[in-house]
C-alpha atoms as a PDB file:
ATOM      1  CA  UNK A   1     -67.899  11.066  55.293  1.00  0.00           C
ATOM      2  CA  UNK A   2     -67.846   8.525  52.476  1.00  0.00           C
ATOM      3  CA  UNK A   3     -66.383  11.073  50.051  1.00  0.00           C
ATOM      4  CA  UNK A   4     -63.401  11.730  52.335  1.00  0.00           C
ATOM      5  CA  UNK A   5     -63.153   8.253  53.868  1.00  0.00           C
ATOM      6  CA  UNK A   6     -59.735   7.449  52.371  1.00  0.00           C
ATOM      7  CA  UNK A   7     -58.239  10.566  53.934  1.00  0.00           C
ATOM      8  CA  UNK A   8     -59.842   9.969  57.323  1.00  0.00           C
ATOM      9  CA  UNK A   9     -58.370   6.444  57.320  1.00  0.00           C
ATOM     10  CA  UNK A  10     -54.861   7.921  57.212  1.00  0.00           C
ATOM     11  CA  UNK A  11     -52.789   7.593  60.348  1.00  0.00           C
ATOM     12  CA  UNK A  12     -52.362  11.141  61.637  1.00  0.00           C
ATOM     13  CA  UNK A  13     -55.343  12.454  59.708  1.00  0.00           C
ATOM     14  CA  UNK A  14     -58.718  12.213  61.412  1.00  0.00           C
ATOM     15  CA  UNK A  15     -62.150  13.822  61.425  1.00  0.00           C
ATOM     16  CA  UNK A  16     -60.753  16.902  63.163  1.00  0.00           C
ATOM     17  CA  UNK A  17     -58.287  17.471  60.320  1.00  0.00           C
ATOM     18  CA  UNK A  18     -61.063  16.989  57.780  1.00  0.00           C
ATOM     19  CA  UNK A  19     -63.244  19.474  59.657  1.00  0.00           C
ATOM     20  CA  UNK A  20     -60.438  22.024  59.494  1.00  0.00           C
ATOM     21  CA  UNK A  21     -60.443  21.652  55.716  1.00  0.00           C
ATOM     22  CA  UNK A  22     -64.205  22.125  55.603  1.00  0.00           C
ATOM     23  CA  UNK A  23     -63.918  25.416  57.478  1.00  0.00           C
ATOM     24  CA  UNK A  24     -60.969  26.743  55.469  1.00  0.00           C
ATOM     25  CA  UNK A  25     -61.025  29.686  53.045  1.00  0.00           C
ATOM     26  CA  UNK A  26     -58.399  29.529  50.294  1.00  0.00           C
ATOM     27  CA  UNK A  27     -57.664  32.036  47.534  1.00  0.00           C
ATOM     28  CA  UNK A  28     -56.043  30.736  44.337  1.00  0.00           C
ATOM     29  CA  UNK A  29     -54.365  33.441  42.261  1.00  0.00           C
ATOM     30  CA  UNK A  30     -54.210  32.314  38.649  1.00  0.00           C
ATOM     31  CA  UNK A  31     -56.221  29.508  37.026  1.00  0.00           C
ATOM     32  CA  UNK A  32     -53.546  28.401  34.588  1.00  0.00           C
ATOM     33  CA  UNK A  33     -51.342  25.318  34.568  1.00  0.00           C
ATOM     34  CA  UNK A  34     -50.662  25.374  38.312  1.00  0.00           C
ATOM     35  CA  UNK A  35     -53.853  26.977  39.609  1.00  0.00           C
ATOM     36  CA  UNK A  36     -56.388  24.777  37.853  1.00  0.00           C
ATOM     37  CA  UNK A  37     -54.757  21.545  39.061  1.00  0.00           C
ATOM     38  CA  UNK A  38     -54.219  22.835  42.600  1.00  0.00           C
ATOM     39  CA  UNK A  39     -57.851  23.946  42.783  1.00  0.00           C
ATOM     40  CA  UNK A  40     -59.158  20.554  41.667  1.00  0.00           C
ATOM     41  CA  UNK A  41     -57.053  18.674  44.210  1.00  0.00           C
ATOM     42  CA  UNK A  42     -58.234  20.934  47.042  1.00  0.00           C
ATOM     43  CA  UNK A  43     -61.855  20.558  45.952  1.00  0.00           C
ATOM     44  CA  UNK A  44     -61.548  16.779  45.937  1.00  0.00           C
ATOM     45  CA  UNK A  45     -59.906  16.863  49.366  1.00  0.00           C
ATOM     46  CA  UNK A  46     -62.765  18.902  50.849  1.00  0.00           C
ATOM     47  CA  UNK A  47     -61.502  22.465  51.312  1.00  0.00           C
ATOM     48  CA  UNK A  48     -64.719  24.267  52.222  1.00  0.00           C
ATOM     49  CA  UNK A  49     -64.355  27.538  50.324  1.00  0.00           C
ATOM     50  CA  UNK A  50     -62.181  28.133  47.282  1.00  0.00           C
ATOM     51  CA  UNK A  51     -61.942  31.548  45.642  1.00  0.00           C
ATOM     52  CA  UNK A  52     -60.533  31.785  42.130  1.00  0.00           C
ATOM     53  CA  UNK A  53     -59.240  34.899  40.404  1.00  0.00           C
ATOM     54  CA  UNK A  54     -58.034  35.076  36.794  1.00  0.00           C
ATOM     55  CA  UNK A  55     -58.936  37.460  33.987  1.00  0.00           C
ATOM     56  CA  UNK A  56     -57.707  35.227  31.159  1.00  0.00           C
ATOM     57  CA  UNK A  57     -59.764  33.167  28.745  1.00  0.00           C
ATOM     58  CA  UNK A  58     -58.967  29.641  27.581  1.00  0.00           C
ATOM     59  CA  UNK A  59     -56.728  29.451  24.500  1.00  0.00           C
ATOM     60  CA  UNK A  60     -55.817  26.480  22.349  1.00  0.00           C
ATOM     61  CA  UNK A  61     -52.218  26.492  23.606  1.00  0.00           C
ATOM     62  CA  UNK A  62     -53.461  26.118  27.203  1.00  0.00           C
ATOM     63  CA  UNK A  63     -54.865  22.645  26.574  1.00  0.00           C
ATOM     64  CA  UNK A  64     -51.371  21.127  26.463  1.00  0.00           C
ATOM     65  CA  UNK A  65     -50.981  21.444  30.259  1.00  0.00           C
ATOM     66  CA  UNK A  66     -54.090  23.034  31.850  1.00  0.00           C
ATOM     67  CA  UNK A  67     -56.073  19.891  32.592  1.00  0.00           C
ATOM     68  CA  UNK A  68     -59.303  21.582  33.685  1.00  0.00           C
ATOM     69  CA  UNK A  69     -60.109  22.774  30.170  1.00  0.00           C
ATOM     70  CA  UNK A  70     -61.113  21.232  26.842  1.00  0.00           C
ATOM     71  CA  UNK A  71     -61.444  22.507  23.278  1.00  0.00           C
ATOM     72  CA  UNK A  72     -65.094  23.395  23.982  1.00  0.00           C
ATOM     73  CA  UNK A  73     -63.926  25.916  26.606  1.00  0.00           C
ATOM     74  CA  UNK A  74     -61.800  28.030  24.251  1.00  0.00           C
ATOM     75  CA  UNK A  75     -62.788  31.677  24.481  1.00  0.00           C
ATOM     76  CA  UNK A  76     -64.464  31.384  27.882  1.00  0.00           C
ATOM     77  CA  UNK A  77     -63.027  32.728  31.149  1.00  0.00           C
ATOM     78  CA  UNK A  78     -60.817  30.230  32.943  1.00  0.00           C
ATOM     79  CA  UNK A  79     -62.195  31.140  36.364  1.00  0.00           C
ATOM     80  CA  UNK A  80     -65.778  30.511  35.204  1.00  0.00           C
ATOM     81  CA  UNK A  81     -64.992  27.136  33.611  1.00  0.00           C
ATOM     82  CA  UNK A  82     -62.881  26.017  36.559  1.00  0.00           C
ATOM     83  CA  UNK A  83     -65.502  27.057  39.105  1.00  0.00           C
ATOM     84  CA  UNK A  84     -68.148  24.970  37.323  1.00  0.00           C
ATOM     85  CA  UNK A  85     -65.783  21.995  37.195  1.00  0.00           C
ATOM     86  CA  UNK A  86     -65.028  22.205  40.929  1.00  0.00           C
ATOM     87  CA  UNK A  87     -68.733  22.312  41.795  1.00  0.00           C
ATOM     88  CA  UNK A  88     -69.327  19.248  39.624  1.00  0.00           C
ATOM     89  CA  UNK A  89     -66.504  17.407  41.354  1.00  0.00           C
ATOM     90  CA  UNK A  90     -67.591  18.389  44.861  1.00  0.00           C
ATOM     91  CA  UNK A  91     -71.055  19.950  45.277  1.00  0.00           C
ATOM     92  CA  UNK A  92     -70.521  20.277  49.043  1.00  0.00           C
ATOM     93  CA  UNK A  93     -68.012  23.131  48.819  1.00  0.00           C
ATOM     94  CA  UNK A  94     -68.387  26.851  48.116  1.00  0.00           C
ATOM     95  CA  UNK A  95     -66.589  28.148  45.023  1.00  0.00           C
ATOM     96  CA  UNK A  96     -66.297  31.850  44.268  1.00  0.00           C
ATOM     97  CA  UNK A  97     -64.744  33.207  41.063  1.00  0.00           C
ATOM     98  CA  UNK A  98     -63.578  36.577  39.781  1.00  0.00           C
ATOM     99  CA  UNK A  99     -62.836  37.118  36.089  1.00  0.00           C
ATOM    100  CA  UNK A 100     -60.615  40.131  36.735  1.00  0.00           C
ATOM    101  CA  UNK A 101     -56.943  40.677  37.429  1.00  0.00           C
ATOM    102  CA  UNK A 102     -55.722  40.928  40.990  1.00  0.00           C
ATOM    103  CA  UNK A 103     -54.633  44.539  41.472  1.00  0.00           C
ATOM    104  CA  UNK A 104     -54.458  47.300  44.067  1.00  0.00           C
ATOM    105  CA  UNK A 105     -58.207  47.895  43.839  1.00  0.00           C
ATOM    106  CA  UNK A 106     -59.254  44.387  44.909  1.00  0.00           C
ATOM    107  CA  UNK A 107     -56.232  42.736  46.572  1.00  0.00           C
ATOM    108  CA  UNK A 108     -57.106  43.810  50.119  1.00  0.00           C
ATOM    109  CA  UNK A 109     -60.709  42.650  49.858  1.00  0.00           C
ATOM    110  CA  UNK A 110     -59.747  39.264  48.418  1.00  0.00           C
ATOM    111  CA  UNK A 111     -56.704  38.463  50.563  1.00  0.00           C
ATOM    112  CA  UNK A 112     -57.424  39.831  54.040  1.00  0.00           C
ATOM    113  CA  UNK A 113     -60.186  37.312  54.852  1.00  0.00           C
ATOM    114  CA  UNK A 114     -58.358  34.182  53.684  1.00  0.00           C
ATOM    115  CA  UNK A 115     -56.816  31.391  55.735  1.00  0.00           C
ATOM    116  CA  UNK A 116     -54.316  30.688  52.954  1.00  0.00           C
ATOM    117  CA  UNK A 117     -53.344  32.144  49.587  1.00  0.00           C
ATOM    118  CA  UNK A 118     -51.940  29.954  46.822  1.00  0.00           C
ATOM    119  CA  UNK A 119     -50.077  31.838  44.109  1.00  0.00           C
ATOM    120  CA  UNK A 120     -49.574  30.191  40.731  1.00  0.00           C
ATOM    121  CA  UNK A 121     -49.574  33.233  38.471  1.00  0.00           C
ATOM    122  CA  UNK A 122     -47.052  33.822  35.689  1.00  0.00           C
ATOM    123  CA  UNK A 123     -45.768  37.349  36.294  1.00  0.00           C
ATOM    124  CA  UNK A 124     -43.619  39.017  38.924  1.00  0.00           C
ATOM    125  CA  UNK A 125     -45.791  42.116  39.361  1.00  0.00           C
ATOM    126  CA  UNK A 126     -48.736  40.066  40.620  1.00  0.00           C
ATOM    127  CA  UNK A 127     -46.487  37.920  42.805  1.00  0.00           C
ATOM    128  CA  UNK A 128     -45.083  41.021  44.528  1.00  0.00           C
ATOM    129  CA  UNK A 129     -48.605  42.355  45.019  1.00  0.00           C
ATOM    130  CA  UNK A 130     -49.788  39.068  46.552  1.00  0.00           C
ATOM    131  CA  UNK A 131     -46.709  38.905  48.761  1.00  0.00           C
ATOM    132  CA  UNK A 132     -47.223  42.462  50.009  1.00  0.00           C
ATOM    133  CA  UNK A 133     -50.863  41.996  50.994  1.00  0.00           C
ATOM    134  CA  UNK A 134     -50.305  38.566  52.537  1.00  0.00           C
ATOM    135  CA  UNK A 135     -47.542  40.081  54.666  1.00  0.00           C
ATOM    136  CA  UNK A 136     -49.639  43.092  55.616  1.00  0.00           C
ATOM    137  CA  UNK A 137     -52.640  41.014  56.714  1.00  0.00           C
ATOM    138  CA  UNK A 138     -50.674  38.059  58.115  1.00  0.00           C
ATOM    139  CA  UNK A 139     -52.178  35.590  55.639  1.00  0.00           C
ATOM    140  CA  UNK A 140     -49.999  32.524  54.924  1.00  0.00           C
ATOM    141  CA  UNK A 141     -48.825  32.225  51.325  1.00  0.00           C
ATOM    142  CA  UNK A 142     -47.637  29.198  49.362  1.00  0.00           C
ATOM    143  CA  UNK A 143     -46.097  30.230  46.062  1.00  0.00           C
ATOM    144  CA  UNK A 144     -45.463  27.837  43.166  1.00  0.00           C
ATOM    145  CA  UNK A 145     -43.902  28.407  39.769  1.00  0.00           C
ATOM    146  CA  UNK A 146     -43.045  26.282  36.745  1.00  0.00           C
ATOM    147  CA  UNK A 147     -41.066  26.985  33.611  1.00  0.00           C
ATOM    148  CA  UNK A 148     -39.470  24.628  31.121  1.00  0.00           C
ATOM    149  CA  UNK A 149     -38.539  21.454  33.012  1.00  0.00           C
ATOM    150  CA  UNK A 150     -38.193  23.111  36.429  1.00  0.00           C
ATOM    151  CA  UNK A 151     -40.351  24.279  39.312  1.00  0.00           C
ATOM    152  CA  UNK A 152     -40.098  26.116  42.624  1.00  0.00           C
ATOM    153  CA  UNK A 153     -42.223  26.105  45.772  1.00  0.00           C
ATOM    154  CA  UNK A 154     -42.005  27.850  49.139  1.00  0.00           C
ATOM    155  CA  UNK A 155     -44.129  29.162  51.992  1.00  0.00           C
ATOM    156  CA  UNK A 156     -44.339  32.577  53.657  1.00  0.00           C
ATOM    157  CA  UNK A 157     -45.993  32.637  57.078  1.00  0.00           C
ATOM    158  CA  UNK A 158     -46.033  34.967  60.059  1.00  0.00           C
ATOM    159  CA  UNK A 159     -42.695  36.726  60.497  1.00  0.00           C
ATOM    160  CA  UNK A 160     -40.830  34.497  58.052  1.00  0.00           C
ATOM    161  CA  UNK A 161     -38.812  35.779  55.135  1.00  0.00           C
ATOM    162  CA  UNK A 162     -41.080  36.838  52.292  1.00  0.00           C
ATOM    163  CA  UNK A 163     -41.157  36.482  48.496  1.00  0.00           C
ATOM    164  CA  UNK A 164     -39.283  39.746  48.041  1.00  0.00           C
ATOM    165  CA  UNK A 165     -36.522  38.583  50.407  1.00  0.00           C
ATOM    166  CA  UNK A 166     -35.918  35.662  48.059  1.00  0.00           C
ATOM    167  CA  UNK A 167     -36.460  37.558  44.800  1.00  0.00           C
ATOM    168  CA  UNK A 168     -35.539  41.245  45.331  1.00  0.00           C
ATOM    169  CA  UNK A 169     -37.885  43.499  43.403  1.00  0.00           C
ATOM    170  CA  UNK A 170     -35.147  45.567  41.786  1.00  0.00           C
ATOM    171  CA  UNK A 171     -33.682  42.434  40.197  1.00  0.00           C
ATOM    172  CA  UNK A 172     -36.859  40.759  38.964  1.00  0.00           C
ATOM    173  CA  UNK A 173     -39.577  43.359  38.414  1.00  0.00           C
ATOM    174  CA  UNK A 174     -38.661  43.735  34.731  1.00  0.00           C
ATOM    175  CA  UNK A 175     -38.281  39.998  34.078  1.00  0.00           C
ATOM    176  CA  UNK A 176     -40.833  38.281  31.868  1.00  0.00           C
ATOM    177  CA  UNK A 177     -40.241  34.547  32.350  1.00  0.00           C
ATOM    178  CA  UNK A 178     -43.554  33.118  31.199  1.00  0.00           C
ATOM    179  CA  UNK A 179     -44.563  29.851  29.581  1.00  0.00           C
ATOM    180  CA  UNK A 180     -45.654  31.820  26.517  1.00  0.00           C
ATOM    181  CA  UNK A 181     -42.093  33.125  26.137  1.00  0.00           C
ATOM    182  CA  UNK A 182     -39.891  30.296  27.375  1.00  0.00           C
ATOM    183  CA  UNK A 183     -41.950  27.130  26.969  1.00  0.00           C
ATOM    184  CA  UNK A 184     -42.961  24.485  29.485  1.00  0.00           C
ATOM    185  CA  UNK A 185     -43.355  20.710  29.417  1.00  0.00           C
ATOM    186  CA  UNK A 186     -46.960  19.585  29.929  1.00  0.00           C
ATOM    187  CA  UNK A 187     -46.141  17.797  33.185  1.00  0.00           C
ATOM    188  CA  UNK A 188     -44.072  20.479  34.934  1.00  0.00           C
ATOM    189  CA  UNK A 189     -46.942  22.748  36.120  1.00  0.00           C
ATOM    190  CA  UNK A 190     -48.947  19.728  37.241  1.00  0.00           C
ATOM    191  CA  UNK A 191     -46.077  18.356  39.333  1.00  0.00           C
ATOM    192  CA  UNK A 192     -45.727  21.731  41.065  1.00  0.00           C
ATOM    193  CA  UNK A 193     -49.503  22.013  41.488  1.00  0.00           C
ATOM    194  CA  UNK A 194     -49.617  18.637  43.231  1.00  0.00           C
ATOM    195  CA  UNK A 195     -46.806  19.695  45.565  1.00  0.00           C
ATOM    196  CA  UNK A 196     -48.511  23.022  46.267  1.00  0.00           C
ATOM    197  CA  UNK A 197     -51.854  21.359  46.998  1.00  0.00           C
ATOM    198  CA  UNK A 198     -50.156  18.747  49.183  1.00  0.00           C
ATOM    199  CA  UNK A 199     -48.439  21.429  51.258  1.00  0.00           C
ATOM    200  CA  UNK A 200     -51.726  23.335  51.523  1.00  0.00           C
ATOM    201  CA  UNK A 201     -53.482  20.257  52.923  1.00  0.00           C
ATOM    202  CA  UNK A 202     -50.681  19.648  55.424  1.00  0.00           C
ATOM    203  CA  UNK A 203     -51.015  23.238  56.604  1.00  0.00           C
ATOM    204  CA  UNK A 204     -54.805  23.462  56.700  1.00  0.00           C
ATOM    205  CA  UNK A 205     -55.454  20.032  58.190  1.00  0.00           C
ATOM    206  CA  UNK A 206     -52.408  19.421  60.360  1.00  0.00           C
ATOM    207  CA  UNK A 207     -50.851  22.899  60.777  1.00  0.00           C
ATOM    208  CA  UNK A 208     -47.584  21.611  59.316  1.00  0.00           C
ATOM    209  CA  UNK A 209     -45.268  23.995  57.428  1.00  0.00           C
ATOM    210  CA  UNK A 210     -42.343  22.004  56.004  1.00  0.00           C
ATOM    211  CA  UNK A 211     -41.464  24.737  53.483  1.00  0.00           C
ATOM    212  CA  UNK A 212     -41.787  27.757  55.743  1.00  0.00           C
ATOM    213  CA  UNK A 213     -38.811  29.940  54.796  1.00  0.00           C
ATOM    214  CA  UNK A 214     -37.471  27.121  52.601  1.00  0.00           C
ATOM    215  CA  UNK A 215     -37.271  26.893  48.819  1.00  0.00           C
ATOM    216  CA  UNK A 216     -38.037  23.605  47.087  1.00  0.00           C
ATOM    217  CA  UNK A 217     -36.367  23.246  43.699  1.00  0.00           C
ATOM    218  CA  UNK A 218     -37.610  20.497  41.368  1.00  0.00           C
ATOM    219  CA  UNK A 219     -35.669  19.515  38.235  1.00  0.00           C
ATOM    220  CA  UNK A 220     -37.761  17.581  35.750  1.00  0.00           C
ATOM    221  CA  UNK A 221     -34.802  16.560  33.606  1.00  0.00           C
ATOM    222  CA  UNK A 222     -32.863  14.815  36.369  1.00  0.00           C
ATOM    223  CA  UNK A 223     -35.849  14.076  38.649  1.00  0.00           C
ATOM    224  CA  UNK A 224     -33.881  15.621  41.501  1.00  0.00           C
ATOM    225  CA  UNK A 225     -35.360  17.742  44.249  1.00  0.00           C
ATOM    226  CA  UNK A 226     -33.553  20.056  46.646  1.00  0.00           C
ATOM    227  CA  UNK A 227     -34.746  22.107  49.609  1.00  0.00           C
ATOM    228  CA  UNK A 228     -32.776  25.226  50.508  1.00  0.00           C
ATOM    229  CA  UNK A 229     -33.262  27.358  53.612  1.00  0.00           C
ATOM    230  CA  UNK A 230     -33.214  31.122  53.103  1.00  0.00           C
ATOM    231  CA  UNK A 231     -33.115  34.046  55.505  1.00  0.00           C
ATOM    232  CA  UNK A 232     -34.747  37.437  55.723  1.00  0.00           C
ATOM    233  CA  UNK A 233     -33.204  40.178  53.640  1.00  0.00           C
ATOM    234  CA  UNK A 234     -32.684  43.148  55.961  1.00  0.00           C
ATOM    235  CA  UNK A 235     -32.943  45.446  52.938  1.00  0.00           C
ATOM    236  CA  UNK A 236     -36.288  43.988  51.840  1.00  0.00           C
ATOM    237  CA  UNK A 237     -38.670  46.921  51.308  1.00  0.00           C
ATOM    238  CA  UNK A 238     -41.724  44.728  51.929  1.00  0.00           C
ATOM    239  CA  UNK A 239     -40.496  43.505  55.326  1.00  0.00           C
ATOM    240  CA  UNK A 240     -39.453  47.021  56.284  1.00  0.00           C
ATOM    241  CA  UNK A 241     -42.911  48.351  55.392  1.00  0.00           C
ATOM    242  CA  UNK A 242     -44.546  45.577  57.397  1.00  0.00           C
ATOM    243  CA  UNK A 243     -42.378  46.315  60.424  1.00  0.00           C
ATOM    244  CA  UNK A 244     -43.146  50.029  60.214  1.00  0.00           C
ATOM    245  CA  UNK A 245     -46.876  49.297  60.029  1.00  0.00           C
ATOM    246  CA  UNK A 246     -46.700  47.129  63.149  1.00  0.00           C
END
């Protein structure tokens, strides 16, 4: 109670909301610039079970923006280091970690049992895979991305438009927009991580979905933020497959 007292004092946020966090299961895909910050914020807020998946190890170039890691962590798996950090921050939560890539062999097992999936990975193939399984098993998804000075955030839930509606696979599957290729300011992933974690808390504690079927665009050069509504793409193969399955 003392640990979460400042949240419980909030008007509109009470013990019931905090209890919902305690009972929540959240999967974080990617423990890089977005994932490691999002995970720490959720751990501090009291999300009861956090599952991490990332096959990468810490590199020197990561330290510029990935605030969970230090020079002593170079060469070790990000998911392992981050899991230990979360347990040190909040020993009252359950943290699971997987030092493998999310793929067809493990996606169903990891996603189907979650209350929420948070995607912060850096490649389109994994994002489409996460989107597909979240749609298939009706698991809400909040997706965040950051590149250069800009970031994006949106939510997929229930029968809403999905990731593939917004970013058609045939247009983006061969794209390779990654921080390693295009660069990123140290603050950009952390801004998007804070927004992603904030939305996750609103959803888990208060059942609010301000970005359901809406795209938030953040511009770090102008400090402007826009929110755009988007609709289902009737040609979306993922939505068609979901409808056929139902």
